[in-house]
Protein backbone atom coordinates (compact mmCIF):
# COMPACT_ATOMS: atom_id res chain seq x y z
CA MET A 1 27.66 -14.69 6.79
CA GLU A 2 23.91 -14.12 6.64
CA ALA A 3 22.66 -12.58 3.43
CA LYS A 4 19.94 -9.96 3.79
CA ARG A 5 17.57 -8.67 1.18
CA TRP A 6 15.61 -5.45 1.25
CA THR A 7 13.31 -4.59 -1.61
CA ILE A 8 12.29 -1.24 -3.07
CA GLU A 9 9.09 -1.06 -5.05
CA ILE A 10 8.61 2.03 -7.24
CA ASP A 11 5.32 3.18 -8.72
CA ILE A 12 5.23 5.96 -11.31
CA THR A 13 2.14 7.86 -12.42
CA GLU A 14 1.76 10.54 -15.06
CA GLU A 15 -0.94 13.13 -15.36
CA GLY A 16 -0.45 15.74 -18.04
CA ASP A 17 2.94 17.37 -17.57
CA GLN A 18 3.29 16.05 -14.00
CA THR A 19 4.99 12.78 -13.03
CA SER A 20 4.86 11.34 -9.51
CA ALA A 21 6.88 8.48 -8.06
CA ARG A 22 6.44 6.52 -4.84
CA ALA A 23 9.30 4.36 -3.56
CA VAL A 24 8.52 1.85 -0.80
CA LEU A 25 11.34 0.13 1.08
CA PHE A 26 10.51 -3.28 2.54
CA SER A 27 13.10 -4.46 5.08
CA ARG A 28 13.55 -7.75 6.87
CA ASP A 29 11.51 -6.73 9.91
CA GLU A 30 8.37 -6.08 7.85
CA LYS A 31 8.62 -2.31 8.44
CA HIS A 32 8.57 -0.09 5.44
CA LEU A 33 9.41 3.50 4.61
CA ILE A 34 7.93 5.54 1.78
CA GLY A 35 9.64 8.21 -0.29
CA VAL A 36 7.85 10.42 -2.79
CA GLY A 37 9.05 12.55 -5.67
CA GLN A 38 7.58 14.62 -8.46
CA SER A 39 8.64 16.22 -11.70
CA ARG A 40 6.95 18.68 -13.96
CA ARG A 41 7.69 19.19 -17.63
CA ASN A 42 8.22 22.74 -18.79
CA PRO A 43 5.59 23.31 -21.48
CA THR A 44 8.29 24.54 -23.87
CA ASP A 45 10.30 21.30 -23.53
CA PRO A 46 9.66 18.28 -25.77
CA MET A 47 7.53 15.44 -24.37
CA VAL A 48 10.05 12.77 -23.29
CA HIS A 49 8.32 10.61 -20.67
CA VAL A 50 11.43 8.79 -19.50
CA ILE A 51 13.04 12.05 -18.34
CA GLY A 52 10.09 12.89 -16.11
CA ASP A 53 10.18 9.34 -14.76
CA GLU A 54 13.90 9.57 -14.00
CA ILE A 55 13.58 12.88 -12.17
CA ALA A 56 10.53 11.83 -10.14
CA VAL A 57 12.12 8.49 -9.19
CA ALA A 58 15.42 10.15 -8.24
CA ARG A 59 13.54 12.55 -5.97
CA ALA A 60 11.53 9.71 -4.43
CA LEU A 61 14.72 7.75 -3.73
CA ALA A 62 16.39 10.85 -2.23
CA ASP A 63 13.35 11.34 0.02
CA LEU A 64 13.49 7.66 0.98
CA ALA A 65 17.22 7.90 1.77
CA SER A 66 16.61 10.91 4.02
CA LYS A 67 13.85 9.08 5.90
CA LEU A 68 16.03 5.98 6.29
CA LEU A 69 18.88 8.06 7.75
CA THR A 70 16.45 9.69 10.18
CA THR A 71 15.25 6.24 11.26
CA ALA A 72 18.85 5.01 11.66
CA SER A 73 19.75 8.13 13.66
CA GLY A 74 16.98 7.41 16.14
CA ASP A 75 17.99 3.75 16.33
CA VAL A 76 21.64 4.67 17.04
CA ALA A 77 20.55 7.09 19.77
CA GLN A 78 18.35 4.45 21.35
CA ALA A 79 21.06 1.77 21.17
CA THR A 80 23.71 4.03 22.69
CA GLY A 81 21.51 5.76 25.25
CA ALA A 82 22.02 9.17 23.66
CA ARG A 83 19.51 11.80 24.72
CA GLU A 84 19.20 13.25 21.23
CA PRO A 85 19.26 11.68 17.76
CA VAL A 86 22.74 11.48 16.29
CA HIS A 87 23.62 13.33 13.09
CA LEU A 88 24.14 11.09 10.07
CA SER A 89 24.85 12.20 6.51
CA LEU A 90 24.60 10.51 3.13
CA ILE A 91 28.36 10.68 2.64
């Protein structure tokens, strides 16, 4: 069995109460997809940087997952000769 490795690189930036994350998926065919996510701290909440990071990264990964499913849907349609993209869900 051939082992495959895809890599996700995540960059997180903070500016004031706003945290942004960018998740880049590198696959075996050199293509990559990018997901982005953001979080914003409520000014009345305590400053806990890791929480903003977690939320922004989770949203970036969810965005990336959605884009990957859209890509797979188009690939399935092309491989099967379907006229429209097929519907795929996360579950």
